[in-house]
C-alpha atoms as a PDB file:
ATOM      1  CA  MET A   1     -35.522  57.891 -77.621  1.00  0.00           C
ATOM      2  CA  LYS A   2     -32.791  57.816 -74.202  1.00  0.00           C
ATOM      3  CA  ASP A   3     -33.738  59.380 -71.319  1.00  0.00           C
ATOM      4  CA  ALA A   4     -30.915  62.060 -70.834  1.00  0.00           C
ATOM      5  CA  THR A   5     -31.624  62.407 -67.074  1.00  0.00           C
ATOM      6  CA  ALA A   6     -29.231  60.821 -64.711  1.00  0.00           C
ATOM      7  CA  LYS A   7     -31.142  58.529 -62.159  1.00  0.00           C
ATOM      8  CA  PRO A   8     -30.397  57.920 -58.320  1.00  0.00           C
ATOM      9  CA  SER A   9     -28.416  54.376 -57.834  1.00  0.00           C
ATOM     10  CA  THR A  10     -30.776  51.687 -55.928  1.00  0.00           C
ATOM     11  CA  ARG A  11     -27.263  49.657 -55.002  1.00  0.00           C
ATOM     12  CA  LEU A  12     -26.494  49.453 -51.307  1.00  0.00           C
ATOM     13  CA  ALA A  13     -22.383  48.268 -52.220  1.00  0.00           C
ATOM     14  CA  PRO A  14     -21.262  51.817 -52.510  1.00  0.00           C
ATOM     15  CA  LEU A  15     -23.080  53.082 -49.368  1.00  0.00           C
ATOM     16  CA  VAL A  16     -21.781  50.176 -47.837  1.00  0.00           C
ATOM     17  CA  LEU A  17     -18.682  51.221 -48.817  1.00  0.00           C
ATOM     18  CA  ALA A  18     -18.861  54.884 -48.523  1.00  0.00           C
ATOM     19  CA  TRP A  19     -19.989  54.402 -44.364  1.00  0.00           C
ATOM     20  CA  ALA A  20     -16.935  51.933 -44.186  1.00  0.00           C
ATOM     21  CA  GLY A  21     -14.659  54.598 -45.713  1.00  0.00           C
ATOM     22  CA  LEU A  22     -16.194  57.580 -42.967  1.00  0.00           C
ATOM     23  CA  VAL A  23     -16.121  54.545 -40.086  1.00  0.00           C
ATOM     24  CA  VAL A  24     -11.921  54.685 -41.339  1.00  0.00           C
ATOM     25  CA  LEU A  25     -11.570  58.278 -41.746  1.00  0.00           C
ATOM     26  CA  THR A  26     -12.992  58.939 -38.330  1.00  0.00           C
ATOM     27  CA  GLY A  27     -10.703  56.223 -36.800  1.00  0.00           C
ATOM     28  CA  LEU A  28      -7.735  57.819 -37.766  1.00  0.00           C
ATOM     29  CA  SER A  29      -8.941  61.107 -36.787  1.00  0.00           C
ATOM     30  CA  LEU A  30      -8.800  59.932 -33.424  1.00  0.00           C
ATOM     31  CA  GLY A  31      -5.823  58.181 -33.669  1.00  0.00           C
ATOM     32  CA  LEU A  32      -4.319  61.257 -35.196  1.00  0.00           C
ATOM     33  CA  GLY A  33      -5.427  63.669 -32.564  1.00  0.00           C
ATOM     34  CA  HIS A  34      -4.289  61.007 -29.697  1.00  0.00           C
ATOM     35  CA  TRP A  35      -0.599  60.539 -31.317  1.00  0.00           C
ATOM     36  CA  VAL A  36      -0.015  63.917 -32.574  1.00  0.00           C
ATOM     37  CA  ASP A  37      -1.695  65.656 -28.653  1.00  0.00           C
ATOM     38  CA  GLY A  38      -2.417  69.124 -30.191  1.00  0.00           C
ATOM     39  CA  GLY A  39       0.618  69.620 -32.596  1.00  0.00           C
ATOM     40  CA  ARG A  40       0.266  73.457 -34.501  1.00  0.00           C
ATOM     41  CA  TRP A  41       0.747  70.734 -37.291  1.00  0.00           C
ATOM     42  CA  LEU A  42      -2.699  69.055 -36.997  1.00  0.00           C
ATOM     43  CA  ALA A  43      -4.937  71.459 -38.654  1.00  0.00           C
ATOM     44  CA  PRO A  44      -3.936  70.384 -42.520  1.00  0.00           C
ATOM     45  CA  PRO A  45      -4.043  66.784 -42.107  1.00  0.00           C
ATOM     46  CA  VAL A  46      -7.774  67.091 -39.474  1.00  0.00           C
ATOM     47  CA  ALA A  47      -8.963  69.966 -42.322  1.00  0.00           C
ATOM     48  CA  ALA A  48      -8.781  67.246 -45.131  1.00  0.00           C
ATOM     49  CA  LEU A  49      -9.720  64.605 -43.343  1.00  0.00           C
ATOM     50  CA  ILE A  50     -12.967  66.731 -42.549  1.00  0.00           C
ATOM     51  CA  TRP A  51     -13.063  68.077 -45.992  1.00  0.00           C
ATOM     52  CA  LEU A  52     -12.578  64.530 -47.073  1.00  0.00           C
ATOM     53  CA  LYS A  53     -15.494  63.255 -45.218  1.00  0.00           C
ATOM     54  CA  ALA A  54     -18.166  65.697 -46.171  1.00  0.00           C
ATOM     55  CA  TRP A  55     -17.291  65.076 -49.765  1.00  0.00           C
ATOM     56  CA  ILE A  56     -17.782  61.219 -49.271  1.00  0.00           C
ATOM     57  CA  VAL A  57     -21.281  62.520 -47.657  1.00  0.00           C
ATOM     58  CA  ALA A  58     -22.462  64.248 -50.028  1.00  0.00           C
ATOM     59  CA  ARG A  59     -21.184  62.526 -53.029  1.00  0.00           C
ATOM     60  CA  TYR A  60     -22.762  58.917 -51.655  1.00  0.00           C
ATOM     61  CA  TYR A  61     -25.449  60.207 -49.172  1.00  0.00           C
ATOM     62  CA  LEU A  62     -27.395  63.150 -50.988  1.00  0.00           C
ATOM     63  CA  GLU A  63     -26.174  62.525 -54.470  1.00  0.00           C
ATOM     64  CA  ILE A  64     -24.871  65.733 -55.087  1.00  0.00           C
ATOM     65  CA  PRO A  65     -23.728  64.999 -58.889  1.00  0.00           C
ATOM     66  CA  LEU A  66     -26.959  64.315 -60.101  1.00  0.00           C
ATOM     67  CA  ALA A  67     -28.320  67.603 -58.446  1.00  0.00           C
ATOM     68  CA  ARG A  68     -28.410  71.342 -60.885  1.00  0.00           C
ATOM     69  CA  THR A  69     -25.472  73.304 -61.271  1.00  0.00           C
ATOM     70  CA  LEU A  70     -26.464  76.176 -58.413  1.00  0.00           C
ATOM     71  CA  LEU A  71     -27.629  73.639 -55.951  1.00  0.00           C
ATOM     72  CA  ARG A  72     -23.962  71.308 -56.339  1.00  0.00           C
ATOM     73  CA  ARG A  73     -22.262  74.332 -56.382  1.00  0.00           C
ATOM     74  CA  ALA A  74     -23.277  75.463 -53.106  1.00  0.00           C
ATOM     75  CA  VAL A  75     -22.879  71.933 -51.350  1.00  0.00           C
ATOM     76  CA  TRP A  76     -19.497  72.169 -52.270  1.00  0.00           C
ATOM     77  CA  ALA A  77     -18.889  75.352 -51.289  1.00  0.00           C
ATOM     78  CA  PHE A  78     -20.381  74.790 -47.554  1.00  0.00           C
ATOM     79  CA  VAL A  79     -18.133  71.264 -47.866  1.00  0.00           C
ATOM     80  CA  ALA A  80     -15.523  73.854 -48.847  1.00  0.00           C
ATOM     81  CA  PHE A  81     -16.153  76.400 -45.991  1.00  0.00           C
ATOM     82  CA  ALA A  82     -15.719  74.224 -42.622  1.00  0.00           C
ATOM     83  CA  PRO A  83     -11.580  72.608 -43.318  1.00  0.00           C
ATOM     84  CA  VAL A  84     -10.654  76.546 -45.136  1.00  0.00           C
ATOM     85  CA  ALA A  85     -12.281  78.287 -41.374  1.00  0.00           C
ATOM     86  CA  LEU A  86     -10.493  75.579 -39.882  1.00  0.00           C
ATOM     87  CA  LEU A  87      -7.343  76.359 -41.338  1.00  0.00           C
ATOM     88  CA  LEU A  88      -7.414  80.200 -41.658  1.00  0.00           C
ATOM     89  CA  THR A  89      -8.159  79.935 -37.774  1.00  0.00           C
ATOM     90  CA  SER A  90      -5.005  77.684 -37.272  1.00  0.00           C
ATOM     91  CA  LEU A  91      -2.563  79.595 -38.998  1.00  0.00           C
ATOM     92  CA  LEU A  92      -3.888  83.160 -38.477  1.00  0.00           C
ATOM     93  CA  GLY A  93      -5.571  82.765 -35.030  1.00  0.00           C
ATOM     94  CA  ARG A  94      -6.425  86.382 -33.366  1.00  0.00           C
ATOM     95  CA  GLN A  95      -6.279  87.986 -36.290  1.00  0.00           C
ATOM     96  CA  PHE A  96      -8.706  85.650 -38.110  1.00  0.00           C
ATOM     97  CA  ALA A  97     -11.175  85.120 -35.005  1.00  0.00           C
ATOM     98  CA  ALA A  98     -11.281  89.391 -35.219  1.00  0.00           C
ATOM     99  CA  TRP A  99     -12.049  89.363 -38.422  1.00  0.00           C
ATOM    100  CA  ALA A 100     -14.907  87.501 -38.110  1.00  0.00           C
ATOM    101  CA  GLN A 101     -16.581  88.862 -35.765  1.00  0.00           C
ATOM    102  CA  LEU A 102     -17.215  91.854 -37.763  1.00  0.00           C
END
């Protein structure tokens, strides 16, 4: 009888590739911020980069796909929180800040 539970990977290559991806995404976000120098349209690409980096960390380093459903959903909600908050703050500004203080 086979064991149906998934096991964590012991391979190093996916972790090295994930780390390299994080370094590239960090360089891309720094370059984008320097090139644009604070334009209003900068928030959506930065939010996308934040989400992608958090997804990589959760997927490869925290191994969230192996977690139980409740924990997996909680982590994915947490990963989505920062980019959504960044977008709401950049688009709605003072209205969102006033609402968030309640």
